[in-house]
Amino acid sequence: MLIQFAAAAGAANAAAAHGGENPYGLWAALEQGGAIAWAVFLILVAMSIFSFYIMFTKLFDQQKIINQSKRVRASFWGNPSLREGAAKLEKNSAYKQIVDDGLTAQEQHGKLTDPVEAHDWLHGSLSRSQAAINSKLNGGLAFLATVGATAPFIGLFGTVVGIYRALVKIGASGQASIDVVAGPVGEALIMTALGLVVAVPAVLAYNWLQRRNKSIAEDLSAFANDVLGYMASNGAVKPTVAARGAAKVAPPAAAPKPGVGTTTAGAPKA
């Protein structure tokens, strides 16, 4: 958005150049502002580029895990064992990582010399696996929060410098005519606008991605709890979703109607 704004302003300046240079365009304001104006502008542009890069990459990572969750719910618990189910998952799947870490912890528990309950050992290992995945998903979001919090103030810094330059021109010329203050004040307003243009998308993206991360973390926690129950019961405990699915595949046989070979109490007729 910021780049498009700058490109549009540049195009307007180029068009105005044919009929005379526009003294109130973006590039003219940057040239008048000097090194400080250019530094503020470049910092805001860099913030905007990195913000959109983080937003799209995090959105891609989240959607990949969401799609993995759908496949796990559909087919994972129908496998005869966790190891066989994990082998059918994608190589870099977050759910495969949880299962593999759980199986590794189960193997390591038999090698411990100090008495540690299997449940506590497996629970700790699965929790660490979830934390690693959540930490990876949250990577970069701190930058979005920082941009959302600081970009308006960086733009405000450019605004303060522009107003200061306007006051200096007024003092040097001895009059506050519009042609003296229009350039610096216009530069100040542009910097304020740029700061808001950078900050607002970053804040919206941060809140949206955080909400999606929370939903993903809840799904991972539920899956890890199911894996723990399965391992602690040697496969006897499975998610209720799998049990309902099995019931749909093999429904119970219908009971015979009363009066056809049996009484209502189930005893044979005389």
Protein backbone atom coordinates (compact mmCIF):
# COMPACT_ATOMS: atom_id res chain seq x y z
CA MET A 1 0.00 0.00 0.00
CA LEU A 2 2.79 2.39 0.89
CA ILE A 3 4.69 1.49 -2.29
CA GLN A 4 1.59 2.11 -4.40
CA PHE A 5 1.10 5.44 -2.67
CA ALA A 6 4.69 6.44 -3.41
CA ALA A 7 4.41 5.24 -7.02
CA ALA A 8 1.20 7.24 -7.53
CA ALA A 9 2.82 10.33 -6.07
CA GLY A 10 5.85 9.83 -8.30
CA ALA A 11 3.63 9.49 -11.36
CA ALA A 12 1.80 12.68 -10.40
CA ASN A 13 5.11 14.49 -10.07
CA ALA A 14 6.25 13.21 -13.45
CA ALA A 15 3.01 14.33 -15.06
CA ALA A 16 3.27 17.74 -13.44
CA ALA A 17 6.82 18.09 -14.70
CA HIS A 18 5.56 18.49 -18.26
CA GLY A 19 3.73 21.67 -17.31
CA GLY A 20 6.14 22.83 -14.67
CA GLU A 21 7.66 21.22 -11.60
CA ASN A 22 5.18 20.52 -8.79
CA PRO A 23 6.65 22.05 -5.60
CA TYR A 24 4.18 20.23 -3.33
CA GLY A 25 4.57 16.62 -4.49
CA LEU A 26 6.05 13.77 -2.51
CA TRP A 27 9.48 13.84 -4.09
CA ALA A 28 9.68 17.60 -3.81
CA ALA A 29 8.78 17.35 -0.12
CA LEU A 30 11.47 14.72 0.40
CA GLU A 31 14.06 16.84 -1.38
CA GLN A 32 13.15 19.85 0.71
CA GLY A 33 13.20 17.77 3.90
CA GLY A 34 16.73 16.61 3.25
CA ALA A 35 18.38 13.61 4.92
CA ILE A 36 15.89 13.40 7.80
CA ALA A 37 12.85 13.23 5.51
CA TRP A 38 14.51 10.60 3.30
CA ALA A 39 15.54 8.54 6.33
CA VAL A 40 12.01 8.56 7.75
CA PHE A 41 10.54 7.67 4.36
CA LEU A 42 12.96 4.76 3.76
CA ILE A 43 12.43 3.39 7.27
CA LEU A 44 8.66 3.37 6.75
CA VAL A 45 9.01 1.71 3.35
CA ALA A 46 11.23 -1.01 4.82
CA MET A 47 8.76 -1.56 7.66
CA SER A 48 5.90 -1.91 5.19
CA ILE A 49 7.76 -4.40 2.98
CA PHE A 50 8.78 -6.63 5.90
CA SER A 51 5.31 -6.43 7.43
CA PHE A 52 3.62 -7.72 4.28
CA TYR A 53 6.30 -10.39 3.85
CA ILE A 54 5.74 -11.69 7.38
CA MET A 55 1.97 -11.52 6.98
CA PHE A 56 1.92 -13.64 3.81
CA THR A 57 4.51 -16.18 4.99
CA LYS A 58 2.75 -16.69 8.35
CA LEU A 59 -0.59 -17.00 6.59
CA PHE A 60 0.87 -19.71 4.34
CA ASP A 61 2.32 -21.62 7.32
CA GLN A 62 -0.95 -21.43 9.23
CA GLN A 63 -3.04 -22.61 6.31
CA LYS A 64 -0.70 -25.56 5.80
CA ILE A 65 -1.21 -26.71 9.41
CA ILE A 66 -4.97 -26.18 9.15
CA ASN A 67 -5.07 -28.42 6.08
CA GLN A 68 -2.99 -31.01 7.93
CA SER A 69 -5.50 -30.92 10.79
CA LYS A 70 -8.36 -31.73 8.41
CA ARG A 71 -6.50 -34.74 7.01
CA VAL A 72 -5.63 -35.97 10.52
CA ARG A 73 -9.25 -35.83 11.65
CA ALA A 74 -10.37 -37.64 8.52
CA SER A 75 -8.00 -40.61 8.45
CA PHE A 76 -5.29 -40.68 11.13
CA TRP A 77 -7.14 -42.52 13.90
CA GLY A 78 -8.29 -45.23 11.52
CA ASN A 79 -4.76 -46.67 11.37
CA PRO A 80 -3.90 -49.71 13.51
CA SER A 81 -1.04 -47.93 15.31
CA LEU A 82 0.44 -44.49 15.86
CA ARG A 83 3.60 -45.37 13.98
CA GLU A 84 1.68 -46.43 10.88
CA GLY A 85 -0.50 -43.34 11.08
CA ALA A 86 2.51 -41.04 11.41
CA ALA A 87 4.18 -42.70 8.40
CA LYS A 88 1.25 -41.61 6.22
CA LEU A 89 1.47 -37.97 7.27
CA GLU A 90 3.50 -35.35 5.42
CA LYS A 91 7.21 -35.29 6.17
CA ASN A 92 7.17 -31.79 7.70
CA SER A 93 3.72 -32.07 9.25
CA ALA A 94 3.27 -30.52 12.69
CA TYR A 95 1.06 -33.45 13.69
CA LYS A 96 3.70 -35.93 12.56
CA GLN A 97 6.22 -34.11 14.74
CA ILE A 98 3.98 -34.52 17.81
CA VAL A 99 3.47 -38.24 17.18
CA ASP A 100 7.17 -38.84 16.50
CA ASP A 101 8.17 -36.97 19.66
CA GLY A 102 5.65 -39.00 21.66
CA LEU A 103 6.96 -42.30 20.30
CA THR A 104 10.54 -41.21 20.98
CA ALA A 105 9.63 -40.27 24.56
CA GLN A 106 7.96 -43.64 25.04
CA GLU A 107 11.15 -45.40 23.96
CA GLN A 108 13.31 -43.17 26.15
CA HIS A 109 11.21 -43.81 29.24
CA GLY A 110 12.41 -47.40 29.45
CA LYS A 111 16.01 -46.17 29.56
CA LEU A 112 15.55 -43.83 32.53
CA THR A 113 17.42 -44.81 35.69
CA ASP A 114 15.32 -42.65 38.06
CA PRO A 115 11.69 -43.67 38.61
CA VAL A 116 9.52 -41.30 36.56
CA GLU A 117 5.90 -42.03 35.77
CA ALA A 118 5.31 -42.70 32.09
CA HIS A 119 2.36 -40.31 32.01
CA ASP A 120 4.42 -37.38 33.32
CA TRP A 121 7.32 -38.12 30.98
CA LEU A 122 5.08 -38.40 27.89
CA HIS A 123 3.06 -35.33 28.85
CA GLY A 124 6.21 -33.24 29.22
CA SER A 125 7.59 -34.41 25.88
CA LEU A 126 4.35 -33.68 24.03
CA SER A 127 4.13 -30.26 25.69
CA ARG A 128 7.64 -29.39 24.51
CA SER A 129 6.73 -30.50 21.00
CA GLN A 130 3.67 -28.26 20.98
CA ALA A 131 5.68 -25.33 22.35
CA ALA A 132 8.24 -25.69 19.56
CA ILE A 133 5.52 -25.60 16.90
CA ASN A 134 3.75 -22.64 18.49
CA SER A 135 7.03 -20.76 18.82
CA LYS A 136 7.69 -21.22 15.11
CA LEU A 137 4.21 -19.98 14.22
CA ASN A 138 4.61 -16.91 16.43
CA GLY A 139 7.96 -16.02 14.89
CA GLY A 140 7.83 -12.61 13.22
CA LEU A 141 4.63 -11.47 14.92
CA ALA A 142 6.65 -9.39 17.38
CA PHE A 143 7.92 -7.38 14.41
CA LEU A 144 4.34 -6.67 13.31
CA ALA A 145 3.50 -5.50 16.82
CA THR A 146 6.60 -3.29 16.85
CA VAL A 147 5.70 -1.75 13.49
CA GLY A 148 2.14 -1.11 14.61
CA ALA A 149 3.36 0.60 17.76
CA THR A 150 6.25 2.65 16.37
CA ALA A 151 5.36 3.55 12.75
CA PRO A 152 2.98 6.38 13.73
CA PHE A 153 5.67 7.88 15.95
CA ILE A 154 8.29 7.62 13.21
CA GLY A 155 5.89 9.43 10.90
CA LEU A 156 5.23 11.92 13.67
CA PHE A 157 8.96 12.57 13.92
CA GLY A 158 8.95 13.55 10.25
CA THR A 159 5.92 15.74 10.96
CA VAL A 160 7.72 17.54 13.78
CA VAL A 161 10.74 18.16 11.57
CA GLY A 162 8.53 19.52 8.78
CA ILE A 163 6.73 21.89 11.13
CA TYR A 164 10.05 23.01 12.57
CA ARG A 165 11.29 23.82 9.08
CA ALA A 166 8.10 25.79 8.43
CA LEU A 167 8.68 27.85 11.57
CA VAL A 168 12.28 28.47 10.59
CA LYS A 169 11.15 29.77 7.17
CA ILE A 170 8.59 31.99 8.81
CA GLY A 171 11.22 33.43 11.12
CA ALA A 172 13.71 33.95 8.30
CA SER A 173 11.23 35.62 5.96
CA GLY A 174 9.41 37.59 8.62
CA GLN A 175 6.00 36.67 7.22
CA ALA A 176 3.72 33.61 7.40
CA SER A 177 2.57 33.56 3.78
CA ILE A 178 1.21 30.36 2.31
CA ASP A 179 4.03 29.99 -0.20
CA VAL A 180 6.55 29.94 2.66
CA VAL A 181 4.90 27.34 4.88
CA ALA A 182 3.01 25.17 2.34
CA GLY A 183 6.02 23.02 1.43
CA PRO A 184 7.20 22.13 4.97
CA VAL A 185 3.66 21.68 6.28
CA GLY A 186 2.78 19.48 3.30
CA GLU A 187 5.87 17.39 4.01
CA ALA A 188 4.77 17.07 7.64
CA LEU A 189 1.29 15.86 6.69
CA ILE A 190 2.71 13.35 4.21
CA MET A 191 4.95 11.81 6.89
CA THR A 192 2.00 11.49 9.27
CA ALA A 193 -0.05 9.77 6.58
CA LEU A 194 2.77 7.38 5.70
CA GLY A 195 3.19 6.39 9.34
CA LEU A 196 -0.51 5.51 9.60
CA VAL A 197 -0.50 3.65 6.28
CA VAL A 198 2.31 1.43 7.58
CA ALA A 199 0.95 0.95 11.11
CA VAL A 200 -2.70 0.08 10.45
CA PRO A 201 -2.11 -3.01 8.22
CA ALA A 202 0.55 -4.26 10.65
CA VAL A 203 -1.83 -4.04 13.63
CA LEU A 204 -4.68 -5.72 11.75
CA ALA A 205 -2.39 -8.50 10.51
CA TYR A 206 -0.97 -9.06 14.00
CA ASN A 207 -4.40 -9.45 15.61
CA TRP A 208 -5.67 -11.70 12.81
CA LEU A 209 -2.62 -13.98 12.82
CA GLN A 210 -2.64 -14.20 16.62
CA ARG A 211 -6.27 -15.34 16.56
CA ARG A 212 -5.49 -18.02 14.00
CA ASN A 213 -2.46 -19.15 16.01
CA LYS A 214 -4.65 -19.54 19.08
CA SER A 215 -7.07 -21.75 17.17
CA ILE A 216 -4.21 -23.87 15.79
CA ALA A 217 -2.67 -24.22 19.27
CA GLU A 218 -6.00 -25.50 20.61
CA ASP A 219 -6.19 -28.12 17.86
CA LEU A 220 -2.60 -29.22 18.50
CA SER A 221 -3.24 -29.46 22.23
CA ALA A 222 -6.34 -31.62 21.67
CA PHE A 223 -4.43 -33.88 19.29
CA ALA A 224 -1.51 -34.24 21.74
CA ASN A 225 -3.96 -35.14 24.50
CA ASP A 226 -5.48 -37.83 22.26
CA VAL A 227 -2.01 -39.19 21.49
CA LEU A 228 -1.22 -39.28 25.21
CA GLY A 229 -4.43 -41.17 25.97
CA TYR A 230 -3.75 -43.64 23.19
CA MET A 231 -0.20 -44.33 24.37
CA ALA A 232 -1.15 -44.52 28.06
CA SER A 233 -3.86 -47.11 27.30
CA ASN A 234 -1.89 -49.16 24.74
CA GLY A 235 -4.35 -48.17 22.03
CA ALA A 236 -7.55 -48.83 23.97
CA VAL A 237 -8.52 -45.13 24.15
CA LYS A 238 -9.16 -43.30 20.89
CA PRO A 239 -10.85 -39.97 20.14
CA THR A 240 -14.62 -40.00 20.18
CA VAL A 241 -14.59 -38.69 16.61
CA ALA A 242 -13.05 -41.95 15.43
CA ALA A 243 -15.60 -43.97 17.42
CA ARG A 244 -18.51 -42.09 15.85
CA GLY A 245 -17.00 -42.58 12.42
CA ALA A 246 -16.72 -46.30 13.01
CA ALA A 247 -20.35 -46.42 14.12
CA LYS A 248 -21.41 -44.78 10.89
CA VAL A 249 -19.49 -47.30 8.84
CA ALA A 250 -20.86 -50.36 10.67
CA PRO A 251 -24.29 -49.53 12.16
CA PRO A 252 -25.88 -52.06 14.54
CA ALA A 253 -28.42 -54.51 13.13
CA ALA A 254 -32.06 -53.50 13.49
CA ALA A 255 -34.03 -55.29 16.23
CA PRO A 256 -36.92 -57.55 15.08
CA LYS A 257 -40.40 -56.04 15.30
CA PRO A 258 -42.67 -57.23 18.14
CA GLY A 259 -45.00 -60.03 17.16
CA VAL A 260 -42.73 -61.62 14.58
CA GLY A 261 -41.46 -64.73 16.33
CA THR A 262 -41.13 -62.93 19.71
CA THR A 263 -43.32 -61.24 22.25
CA THR A 264 -42.80 -57.64 23.35
CA ALA A 265 -40.81 -58.99 26.29
CA GLY A 266 -38.60 -61.05 24.01
CA ALA A 267 -40.01 -64.52 25.06
CA PRO A 268 -41.03 -67.07 22.38
CA LYS A 269 -44.72 -67.45 21.66
CA ALA A 270 -46.53 -70.51 22.99
